[in-house]
Amino acid sequence: MPERDPFTERVIGLAIDVHRELGPGLLESAYEECLCYELNAAGIPFRKQVPLAVRYKEVRLDCGYRMDVVVDERVVVELKTVEALQRVHEAQLLTYLRLSGIRTGLLMNFNSPVLKDGIRRLVL
């Protein structure tokens, strides 16, 4: 059984509030804005659409990657609105964690009928 994390549980709770209010079927950007609204209202620091450089050998390259939301500089939240989460979505989040140095990530599929069924917590 995975270790409980009260901080990510709080973020998940806010995301569930958004999903209960809006339901599935909107664009990812709408859920992102609403989640950021909830984080702000809860007094939780965050940054959205955070640029992520790729380090290749000794070079830092801006390849256009952006993390959807970084919460309190300790959780990367990657939002999706897809039919079902795939392994490639997990690989994307794991890469973001590795490149950013942040250890915990939440992958959230807002297109799920019940959001808790569309959430995966990944830890490096």
N, C-alpha and C. Protein backbone atom coordinates (compact mmCIF):
# COMPACT_ATOMS: atom_id res chain seq x y z
N MET A 1 0.84 -1.19 0.00
CA MET A 1 0.00 0.00 0.00
C MET A 1 0.88 1.24 0.00
N PRO A 2 0.62 2.22 -0.91
CA PRO A 2 1.44 3.42 -0.98
C PRO A 2 1.32 4.26 0.30
N GLU A 3 2.42 4.92 0.62
CA GLU A 3 2.45 5.79 1.78
C GLU A 3 1.50 6.97 1.57
N ARG A 4 0.77 7.32 2.64
CA ARG A 4 -0.17 8.46 2.56
C ARG A 4 0.61 9.76 2.57
N ASP A 5 0.12 10.72 1.83
CA ASP A 5 0.75 12.04 1.77
C ASP A 5 -0.35 13.09 1.93
N PRO A 6 -0.46 13.70 3.11
CA PRO A 6 -1.53 14.68 3.35
C PRO A 6 -1.51 15.85 2.37
N PHE A 7 -0.32 16.26 1.92
CA PHE A 7 -0.27 17.41 1.01
C PHE A 7 -0.88 17.05 -0.35
N THR A 8 -0.48 15.92 -0.92
CA THR A 8 -1.07 15.55 -2.22
C THR A 8 -2.55 15.22 -2.06
N GLU A 9 -2.94 14.67 -0.91
CA GLU A 9 -4.37 14.42 -0.67
C GLU A 9 -5.16 15.72 -0.68
N ARG A 10 -4.56 16.80 -0.16
CA ARG A 10 -5.23 18.10 -0.17
C ARG A 10 -5.39 18.61 -1.59
N VAL A 11 -4.33 18.49 -2.39
CA VAL A 11 -4.40 18.91 -3.79
C VAL A 11 -5.45 18.08 -4.54
N ILE A 12 -5.46 16.79 -4.30
CA ILE A 12 -6.45 15.91 -4.93
C ILE A 12 -7.86 16.33 -4.52
N GLY A 13 -8.05 16.66 -3.26
CA GLY A 13 -9.36 17.11 -2.79
C GLY A 13 -9.84 18.34 -3.52
N LEU A 14 -8.93 19.29 -3.77
CA LEU A 14 -9.31 20.49 -4.52
C LEU A 14 -9.66 20.14 -5.97
N ALA A 15 -8.90 19.22 -6.56
CA ALA A 15 -9.20 18.79 -7.93
C ALA A 15 -10.56 18.10 -7.99
N ILE A 16 -10.87 17.30 -6.98
CA ILE A 16 -12.18 16.64 -6.93
C ILE A 16 -13.29 17.68 -6.82
N ASP A 17 -13.07 18.74 -6.05
CA ASP A 17 -14.05 19.83 -5.97
C ASP A 17 -14.32 20.43 -7.35
N VAL A 18 -13.25 20.67 -8.11
CA VAL A 18 -13.38 21.21 -9.47
C VAL A 18 -14.18 20.25 -10.33
N HIS A 19 -13.83 18.97 -10.27
CA HIS A 19 -14.49 17.97 -11.11
C HIS A 19 -15.97 17.82 -10.74
N ARG A 20 -16.27 17.88 -9.45
CA ARG A 20 -17.68 17.79 -9.02
C ARG A 20 -18.49 18.96 -9.58
N GLU A 21 -17.88 20.13 -9.61
CA GLU A 21 -18.56 21.33 -10.09
C GLU A 21 -18.74 21.31 -11.61
N LEU A 22 -17.69 20.90 -12.34
CA LEU A 22 -17.71 21.00 -13.80
C LEU A 22 -18.06 19.70 -14.51
N GLY A 23 -17.70 18.56 -13.91
CA GLY A 23 -17.88 17.28 -14.58
C GLY A 23 -16.88 17.11 -15.71
N PRO A 24 -16.90 15.97 -16.39
CA PRO A 24 -15.99 15.74 -17.52
C PRO A 24 -16.49 16.46 -18.77
N GLY A 25 -15.60 16.56 -19.76
CA GLY A 25 -16.02 17.06 -21.06
C GLY A 25 -15.47 18.41 -21.48
N LEU A 26 -14.75 19.11 -20.59
CA LEU A 26 -14.19 20.40 -20.96
C LEU A 26 -12.74 20.24 -21.42
N LEU A 27 -12.16 21.31 -21.89
CA LEU A 27 -10.76 21.30 -22.27
C LEU A 27 -9.88 21.28 -21.03
N GLU A 28 -8.69 20.73 -21.19
CA GLU A 28 -7.71 20.68 -20.10
C GLU A 28 -7.47 22.06 -19.50
N SER A 29 -7.40 23.08 -20.35
CA SER A 29 -7.11 24.44 -19.87
C SER A 29 -8.17 24.95 -18.89
N ALA A 30 -9.42 24.56 -19.07
CA ALA A 30 -10.48 24.99 -18.15
C ALA A 30 -10.26 24.38 -16.77
N TYR A 31 -9.92 23.10 -16.72
CA TYR A 31 -9.67 22.45 -15.43
C TYR A 31 -8.43 23.05 -14.76
N GLU A 32 -7.43 23.35 -15.56
CA GLU A 32 -6.21 23.95 -15.02
C GLU A 32 -6.51 25.29 -14.35
N GLU A 33 -7.27 26.13 -15.04
CA GLU A 33 -7.61 27.45 -14.47
C GLU A 33 -8.42 27.30 -13.19
N CYS A 34 -9.36 26.38 -13.18
CA CYS A 34 -10.20 26.19 -11.99
C CYS A 34 -9.41 25.59 -10.84
N LEU A 35 -8.51 24.65 -11.13
CA LEU A 35 -7.67 24.09 -10.07
C LEU A 35 -6.77 25.18 -9.48
N CYS A 36 -6.22 26.02 -10.34
CA CYS A 36 -5.38 27.12 -9.86
C CYS A 36 -6.19 28.11 -9.02
N TYR A 37 -7.43 28.34 -9.40
CA TYR A 37 -8.31 29.18 -8.60
C TYR A 37 -8.47 28.59 -7.20
N GLU A 38 -8.72 27.29 -7.13
CA GLU A 38 -8.89 26.60 -5.85
C GLU A 38 -7.62 26.61 -5.01
N LEU A 39 -6.47 26.39 -5.66
CA LEU A 39 -5.20 26.45 -4.94
C LEU A 39 -4.97 27.83 -4.35
N ASN A 40 -5.24 28.85 -5.14
CA ASN A 40 -5.09 30.23 -4.68
C ASN A 40 -6.03 30.51 -3.50
N ALA A 41 -7.29 30.09 -3.62
CA ALA A 41 -8.26 30.31 -2.55
C ALA A 41 -7.86 29.60 -1.26
N ALA A 42 -7.15 28.46 -1.40
CA ALA A 42 -6.70 27.69 -0.24
C ALA A 42 -5.38 28.22 0.31
N GLY A 43 -4.80 29.22 -0.35
CA GLY A 43 -3.54 29.78 0.11
C GLY A 43 -2.34 28.89 -0.16
N ILE A 44 -2.46 28.02 -1.16
CA ILE A 44 -1.37 27.11 -1.51
C ILE A 44 -0.60 27.70 -2.69
N PRO A 45 0.70 27.95 -2.53
CA PRO A 45 1.47 28.52 -3.63
C PRO A 45 1.59 27.55 -4.81
N PHE A 46 1.58 28.13 -6.01
CA PHE A 46 1.68 27.31 -7.22
C PHE A 46 2.20 28.18 -8.35
N ARG A 47 2.68 27.51 -9.38
CA ARG A 47 3.01 28.16 -10.66
C ARG A 47 2.37 27.31 -11.75
N LYS A 48 1.88 27.96 -12.80
CA LYS A 48 1.27 27.19 -13.88
C LYS A 48 2.05 27.40 -15.16
N GLN A 49 1.97 26.40 -16.03
CA GLN A 49 2.67 26.39 -17.32
C GLN A 49 4.15 26.74 -17.13
N VAL A 50 4.79 25.96 -16.27
CA VAL A 50 6.18 26.20 -15.89
C VAL A 50 7.12 25.63 -16.96
N PRO A 51 7.95 26.49 -17.57
CA PRO A 51 8.89 26.00 -18.58
C PRO A 51 9.84 24.96 -18.00
N LEU A 52 10.18 23.97 -18.80
CA LEU A 52 11.08 22.91 -18.36
C LEU A 52 12.12 22.66 -19.44
N ALA A 53 13.34 23.00 -19.12
CA ALA A 53 14.44 22.81 -20.08
C ALA A 53 14.90 21.35 -20.05
N VAL A 54 15.44 20.93 -21.17
CA VAL A 54 16.05 19.62 -21.27
C VAL A 54 17.55 19.81 -21.16
N ARG A 55 18.17 19.03 -20.28
CA ARG A 55 19.62 19.08 -20.15
C ARG A 55 20.22 17.93 -20.97
N TYR A 56 21.05 18.30 -21.92
CA TYR A 56 21.71 17.32 -22.76
C TYR A 56 23.20 17.57 -22.69
N LYS A 57 23.91 16.62 -22.11
CA LYS A 57 25.34 16.77 -21.83
C LYS A 57 25.53 18.05 -21.01
N GLU A 58 26.30 19.02 -21.50
CA GLU A 58 26.51 20.25 -20.73
C GLU A 58 25.60 21.38 -21.20
N VAL A 59 24.64 21.07 -22.05
CA VAL A 59 23.82 22.11 -22.66
C VAL A 59 22.40 22.06 -22.10
N ARG A 60 21.86 23.23 -21.86
CA ARG A 60 20.46 23.35 -21.43
C ARG A 60 19.67 23.82 -22.65
N LEU A 61 18.68 23.03 -23.06
CA LEU A 61 17.91 23.30 -24.27
C LEU A 61 16.46 23.60 -23.94
N ASP A 62 15.96 24.69 -24.49
CA ASP A 62 14.54 24.99 -24.33
C ASP A 62 13.81 24.34 -25.49
N CYS A 63 13.13 23.24 -25.18
CA CYS A 63 12.43 22.47 -26.22
C CYS A 63 10.92 22.70 -26.19
N GLY A 64 10.48 23.65 -25.39
CA GLY A 64 9.06 23.97 -25.35
C GLY A 64 8.24 23.15 -24.37
N TYR A 65 8.89 22.35 -23.52
CA TYR A 65 8.13 21.59 -22.52
C TYR A 65 7.63 22.51 -21.43
N ARG A 66 6.41 22.24 -20.95
CA ARG A 66 5.82 23.01 -19.85
C ARG A 66 5.09 22.06 -18.92
N MET A 67 5.36 22.24 -17.64
CA MET A 67 4.63 21.47 -16.63
C MET A 67 3.33 22.23 -16.37
N ASP A 68 2.21 21.53 -16.33
CA ASP A 68 0.92 22.20 -16.17
C ASP A 68 0.87 23.05 -14.91
N VAL A 69 1.08 22.42 -13.75
CA VAL A 69 1.03 23.15 -12.48
C VAL A 69 2.09 22.56 -11.55
N VAL A 70 2.88 23.44 -10.93
CA VAL A 70 3.82 23.03 -9.90
C VAL A 70 3.30 23.62 -8.60
N VAL A 71 2.98 22.75 -7.64
CA VAL A 71 2.35 23.18 -6.39
C VAL A 71 3.40 23.20 -5.29
N ASP A 72 3.59 24.38 -4.71
CA ASP A 72 4.49 24.59 -3.58
C ASP A 72 5.89 24.06 -3.85
N GLU A 73 6.31 24.08 -5.10
CA GLU A 73 7.64 23.62 -5.52
C GLU A 73 7.93 22.18 -5.09
N ARG A 74 6.85 21.39 -4.81
CA ARG A 74 7.09 20.02 -4.40
C ARG A 74 6.20 18.98 -5.06
N VAL A 75 5.22 19.41 -5.87
CA VAL A 75 4.36 18.46 -6.58
C VAL A 75 4.11 18.98 -8.00
N VAL A 76 4.37 18.14 -8.98
CA VAL A 76 4.03 18.46 -10.37
C VAL A 76 2.67 17.85 -10.65
N VAL A 77 1.73 18.67 -11.10
CA VAL A 77 0.40 18.18 -11.47
C VAL A 77 0.28 18.25 -12.98
N GLU A 78 0.07 17.11 -13.58
CA GLU A 78 -0.10 17.00 -15.02
C GLU A 78 -1.56 16.66 -15.29
N LEU A 79 -2.27 17.56 -15.96
CA LEU A 79 -3.70 17.38 -16.22
C LEU A 79 -3.91 16.82 -17.62
N LYS A 80 -4.88 15.94 -17.72
CA LYS A 80 -5.27 15.35 -19.01
C LYS A 80 -6.78 15.36 -19.12
N THR A 81 -7.27 15.34 -20.35
CA THR A 81 -8.68 15.13 -20.65
C THR A 81 -8.74 14.12 -21.80
N VAL A 82 -8.45 12.88 -21.45
CA VAL A 82 -8.35 11.81 -22.44
C VAL A 82 -9.32 10.69 -22.09
N GLU A 83 -9.56 9.81 -23.05
CA GLU A 83 -10.47 8.69 -22.80
C GLU A 83 -9.97 7.82 -21.65
N ALA A 84 -8.68 7.55 -21.65
CA ALA A 84 -8.07 6.76 -20.57
C ALA A 84 -6.59 7.12 -20.48
N LEU A 85 -6.06 7.13 -19.26
CA LEU A 85 -4.64 7.37 -19.08
C LEU A 85 -3.85 6.21 -19.68
N GLN A 86 -2.73 6.56 -20.32
CA GLN A 86 -1.88 5.56 -20.95
C GLN A 86 -0.50 5.59 -20.28
N ARG A 87 0.29 4.56 -20.56
CA ARG A 87 1.65 4.51 -20.01
C ARG A 87 2.49 5.70 -20.47
N VAL A 88 2.23 6.21 -21.66
CA VAL A 88 2.99 7.36 -22.15
C VAL A 88 2.74 8.60 -21.28
N HIS A 89 1.55 8.72 -20.71
CA HIS A 89 1.25 9.85 -19.81
C HIS A 89 2.07 9.74 -18.53
N GLU A 90 2.18 8.52 -18.01
CA GLU A 90 3.02 8.29 -16.83
C GLU A 90 4.48 8.57 -17.16
N ALA A 91 4.94 8.12 -18.32
CA ALA A 91 6.32 8.36 -18.73
C ALA A 91 6.60 9.86 -18.84
N GLN A 92 5.65 10.60 -19.38
CA GLN A 92 5.79 12.06 -19.49
C GLN A 92 5.97 12.68 -18.11
N LEU A 93 5.11 12.32 -17.17
CA LEU A 93 5.20 12.89 -15.83
C LEU A 93 6.50 12.47 -15.14
N LEU A 94 6.90 11.23 -15.27
CA LEU A 94 8.16 10.79 -14.67
C LEU A 94 9.34 11.56 -15.25
N THR A 95 9.31 11.85 -16.53
CA THR A 95 10.37 12.65 -17.15
C THR A 95 10.37 14.06 -16.59
N TYR A 96 9.19 14.66 -16.44
CA TYR A 96 9.09 15.99 -15.85
C TYR A 96 9.66 16.00 -14.44
N LEU A 97 9.37 14.97 -13.67
CA LEU A 97 9.90 14.89 -12.31
C LEU A 97 11.42 14.80 -12.34
N ARG A 98 11.94 13.95 -13.18
CA ARG A 98 13.39 13.77 -13.27
C ARG A 98 14.08 15.06 -13.70
N LEU A 99 13.54 15.73 -14.72
CA LEU A 99 14.17 16.95 -15.23
C LEU A 99 14.04 18.13 -14.25
N SER A 100 12.95 18.17 -13.51
CA SER A 100 12.71 19.30 -12.60
C SER A 100 13.35 19.10 -11.23
N GLY A 101 13.66 17.85 -10.87
CA GLY A 101 14.18 17.57 -9.54
C GLY A 101 13.10 17.47 -8.47
N ILE A 102 11.85 17.57 -8.87
CA ILE A 102 10.73 17.42 -7.95
C ILE A 102 10.42 15.93 -7.87
N ARG A 103 10.16 15.43 -6.68
CA ARG A 103 10.02 13.98 -6.48
C ARG A 103 8.61 13.44 -6.63
N THR A 104 7.59 14.27 -6.47
CA THR A 104 6.21 13.78 -6.46
C THR A 104 5.40 14.39 -7.59
N GLY A 105 4.59 13.56 -8.23
CA GLY A 105 3.74 14.04 -9.30
C GLY A 105 2.35 13.45 -9.20
N LEU A 106 1.38 14.23 -9.67
CA LEU A 106 -0.01 13.76 -9.76
C LEU A 106 -0.44 13.85 -11.22
N LEU A 107 -0.90 12.73 -11.75
CA LEU A 107 -1.44 12.66 -13.09
C LEU A 107 -2.95 12.58 -12.94
N MET A 108 -3.67 13.56 -13.50
CA MET A 108 -5.12 13.64 -13.31
C MET A 108 -5.83 13.68 -14.64
N ASN A 109 -6.74 12.73 -14.83
CA ASN A 109 -7.55 12.70 -16.05
C ASN A 109 -8.96 13.21 -15.72
N PHE A 110 -9.22 14.47 -16.07
CA PHE A 110 -10.51 15.08 -15.77
C PHE A 110 -11.63 14.58 -16.66
N ASN A 111 -11.32 13.73 -17.62
CA ASN A 111 -12.36 13.16 -18.47
C ASN A 111 -12.95 11.89 -17.85
N SER A 112 -12.52 11.53 -16.65
CA SER A 112 -13.04 10.36 -15.95
C SER A 112 -14.41 10.68 -15.36
N PRO A 113 -15.36 9.75 -15.40
CA PRO A 113 -16.65 9.99 -14.76
C PRO A 113 -16.50 10.29 -13.26
N VAL A 114 -15.58 9.58 -12.60
CA VAL A 114 -15.26 9.82 -11.19
C VAL A 114 -13.77 10.14 -11.15
N LEU A 115 -13.42 11.36 -10.74
CA LEU A 115 -12.03 11.80 -10.85
C LEU A 115 -11.06 10.90 -10.11
N LYS A 116 -11.43 10.41 -8.93
CA LYS A 116 -10.48 9.60 -8.15
C LYS A 116 -10.04 8.36 -8.94
N ASP A 117 -10.86 7.90 -9.87
CA ASP A 117 -10.47 6.77 -10.72
C ASP A 117 -9.48 7.17 -11.81
N GLY A 118 -9.32 8.47 -12.03
CA GLY A 118 -8.43 8.96 -13.07
C GLY A 118 -7.21 9.67 -12.52
N ILE A 119 -6.83 9.35 -11.29
CA ILE A 119 -5.66 9.99 -10.67
C ILE A 119 -4.60 8.94 -10.38
N ARG A 120 -3.37 9.29 -10.71
CA ARG A 120 -2.21 8.45 -10.36
C ARG A 120 -1.18 9.33 -9.67
N ARG A 121 -0.68 8.86 -8.55
CA ARG A 121 0.37 9.57 -7.82
C ARG A 121 1.67 8.83 -8.09
N LEU A 122 2.67 9.56 -8.59
CA LEU A 122 3.97 8.96 -8.90
C LEU A 122 5.04 9.62 -8.06
N VAL A 123 5.96 8.82 -7.56
CA VAL A 123 7.05 9.33 -6.73
C VAL A 123 8.37 8.74 -7.25
N LEU A 124 9.35 9.62 -7.40
CA LEU A 124 10.69 9.15 -7.81
C LEU A 124 11.44 8.60 -6.63
